[in-house]
């Protein structure tokens, strides 16, 4: 019982994956102020490993990074059962109209252009986490209906 209560009291976790330290620092400050725990990684490979280790409630992801870019990380996240349901907010400075669509096709929940407004980033995280919770609730309801 205590484990369940502890889990309920935990802050939602957000993983930020960006090779720009200023973006990571700024987003971390805003998200912590909004009540989130923040984990940071500076390339896609480290971000993917952090997602596996920490099971964040949401991910903020840059597209252009060293080692593994955001496109590859997003595709990899959505290929694996343990990470495919984690909502991702994609940030990118080099925005072409097609990039937002491509990111969404790969499983992104939201696409924001850099420079972003701090309030919009926090709202995007709140939105994708809410949408993710609705999907889980609907899936649980469907499974219950199938058993009856």
Protein backbone atom coordinates (compact mmCIF):
# COMPACT_ATOMS: atom_id res chain seq x y z
CA UNK A 1 0.00 0.00 0.00
CA UNK A 2 2.81 2.39 0.82
CA UNK A 3 4.39 1.91 -2.65
CA UNK A 4 1.10 2.86 -4.30
CA UNK A 5 0.78 5.99 -2.13
CA UNK A 6 4.39 6.93 -2.86
CA UNK A 7 3.80 6.55 -6.61
CA UNK A 8 0.68 8.73 -6.43
CA UNK A 9 2.64 11.46 -4.64
CA UNK A 10 5.45 11.49 -7.24
CA UNK A 11 5.69 14.37 -9.67
CA UNK A 12 5.25 13.56 -13.36
CA UNK A 13 8.62 12.97 -15.08
CA UNK A 14 9.63 14.71 -18.29
CA UNK A 15 12.70 13.69 -20.28
CA UNK A 16 14.33 16.51 -22.27
CA UNK A 17 16.58 15.37 -25.12
CA UNK A 18 18.49 18.21 -26.79
CA UNK A 19 22.17 18.84 -27.52
CA UNK A 20 21.77 22.56 -26.75
CA UNK A 21 22.56 23.05 -23.04
CA UNK A 22 20.70 26.39 -22.95
CA UNK A 23 17.49 24.76 -24.23
CA UNK A 24 17.82 21.95 -21.68
CA UNK A 25 18.53 24.40 -18.85
CA UNK A 26 15.70 26.79 -19.78
CA UNK A 27 13.11 24.05 -20.31
CA UNK A 28 14.19 22.33 -17.07
CA UNK A 29 13.68 25.52 -15.05
CA UNK A 30 10.21 26.11 -16.56
CA UNK A 31 9.08 22.51 -16.12
CA UNK A 32 10.35 22.22 -12.54
CA UNK A 33 8.54 25.46 -11.70
CA UNK A 34 5.38 23.90 -13.17
CA UNK A 35 5.74 20.86 -10.87
CA UNK A 36 7.55 18.30 -13.03
CA UNK A 37 10.64 16.20 -12.32
CA UNK A 38 13.10 16.61 -15.19
CA UNK A 39 15.64 14.19 -16.65
CA UNK A 40 18.02 15.41 -19.37
CA UNK A 41 19.99 13.75 -22.16
CA UNK A 42 22.10 15.42 -24.85
CA UNK A 43 21.74 13.05 -27.81
CA UNK A 44 19.16 10.59 -29.09
CA UNK A 45 20.95 7.46 -27.96
CA UNK A 46 21.34 8.74 -24.39
CA UNK A 47 17.71 9.92 -24.56
CA UNK A 48 16.43 6.52 -25.65
CA UNK A 49 18.42 4.82 -22.87
CA UNK A 50 17.07 7.34 -20.33
CA UNK A 51 13.51 6.61 -21.53
CA UNK A 52 14.06 2.89 -20.95
CA UNK A 53 15.60 3.47 -17.51
CA UNK A 54 13.32 6.20 -16.12
CA UNK A 55 9.97 5.59 -17.88
CA UNK A 56 9.11 9.31 -18.20
CA UNK A 57 5.53 10.52 -18.51
CA UNK A 58 6.49 12.66 -21.53
CA UNK A 59 9.52 13.46 -23.69
CA UNK A 60 10.67 16.75 -25.20
CA UNK A 61 12.86 15.99 -28.19
CA UNK A 62 15.04 17.97 -30.60
CA UNK A 63 15.35 16.64 -34.16
CA UNK A 64 18.94 17.55 -34.98
CA UNK A 65 21.37 15.98 -32.50
CA UNK A 66 24.61 14.01 -32.60
CA UNK A 67 24.95 10.23 -32.19
CA UNK A 68 21.24 9.48 -32.83
CA UNK A 69 19.04 12.24 -34.25
CA UNK A 70 15.52 12.95 -33.05
CA UNK A 71 13.92 11.28 -36.08
CA UNK A 72 15.68 8.00 -35.29
CA UNK A 73 14.98 8.27 -31.58
CA UNK A 74 11.28 8.91 -32.23
CA UNK A 75 11.02 5.94 -34.59
CA UNK A 76 12.92 3.72 -32.12
CA UNK A 77 10.69 4.77 -29.21
CA UNK A 78 7.57 3.86 -31.15
CA UNK A 79 8.88 0.44 -32.26
CA UNK A 80 9.24 -0.83 -28.70
CA UNK A 81 6.35 -1.83 -26.46
CA UNK A 82 7.83 -0.31 -23.28
CA UNK A 83 8.31 3.16 -24.83
CA UNK A 84 5.76 3.51 -27.64
CA UNK A 85 3.03 5.00 -25.44
CA UNK A 86 5.22 7.82 -24.06
CA UNK A 87 4.00 11.08 -25.61
CA UNK A 88 6.68 13.17 -27.33
CA UNK A 89 6.80 16.92 -27.95
CA UNK A 90 9.20 17.63 -30.80
CA UNK A 91 11.15 20.92 -30.84
CA UNK A 92 13.00 22.08 -33.92
CA UNK A 93 14.64 25.29 -35.13
CA UNK A 94 14.92 24.16 -38.75
CA UNK A 95 11.25 23.97 -39.54
CA UNK A 96 9.94 23.09 -42.95
CA UNK A 97 6.19 22.45 -43.11
CA UNK A 98 6.83 18.79 -43.94
CA UNK A 99 8.95 18.24 -40.80
CA UNK A 100 6.02 18.70 -38.44
CA UNK A 101 3.97 16.21 -40.44
CA UNK A 102 6.84 13.74 -40.62
CA UNK A 103 7.39 13.98 -36.84
CA UNK A 104 3.68 13.33 -36.24
CA UNK A 105 3.78 10.36 -38.65
CA UNK A 106 6.65 8.90 -36.59
CA UNK A 107 4.59 9.16 -33.41
CA UNK A 108 5.16 12.67 -32.06
CA UNK A 109 2.21 14.01 -30.09
CA UNK A 110 3.03 17.69 -30.68
CA UNK A 111 5.47 19.82 -32.70
CA UNK A 112 6.83 23.20 -31.51
CA UNK A 113 9.13 25.55 -33.36
CA UNK A 114 12.28 26.98 -31.71
CA UNK A 115 12.49 29.51 -30.27
CA UNK A 116 9.50 28.43 -28.23
CA UNK A 117 7.56 30.31 -25.57
CA UNK A 118 7.98 28.72 -22.14
CA UNK A 119 4.21 28.83 -21.50
CA UNK A 120 3.53 27.01 -24.79
CA UNK A 121 6.02 24.27 -23.90
CA UNK A 122 4.43 23.68 -20.49
CA UNK A 123 0.93 23.72 -22.08
CA UNK A 124 2.10 21.22 -24.73
CA UNK A 125 3.39 18.85 -22.02
CA UNK A 126 0.13 19.19 -20.07
CA UNK A 127 -1.86 18.53 -23.25
CA UNK A 128 0.08 15.44 -24.43
CA UNK A 129 0.07 13.94 -20.94
CA UNK A 130 -3.69 14.48 -20.74
CA UNK A 131 -4.21 12.91 -24.17
CA UNK A 132 -2.00 9.97 -23.18
CA UNK A 133 -4.01 9.43 -19.98
CA UNK A 134 -7.27 9.48 -22.00
CA UNK A 135 -5.91 6.84 -24.41
CA UNK A 136 -4.83 4.59 -21.53
CA UNK A 137 -8.23 5.01 -19.89
CA UNK A 138 -10.06 4.21 -23.15
CA UNK A 139 -7.86 1.16 -23.77
CA UNK A 140 -8.47 -0.09 -20.23
CA UNK A 141 -12.23 0.38 -20.77
CA UNK A 142 -12.10 -1.53 -24.06
CA UNK A 143 -10.24 -4.40 -22.43
CA UNK A 144 -12.82 -4.55 -19.62
CA UNK A 145 -15.67 -4.58 -22.17
CA UNK A 146 -14.02 -7.46 -24.03
CA UNK A 147 -13.91 -9.57 -20.86
CA UNK A 148 -17.61 -9.13 -20.07
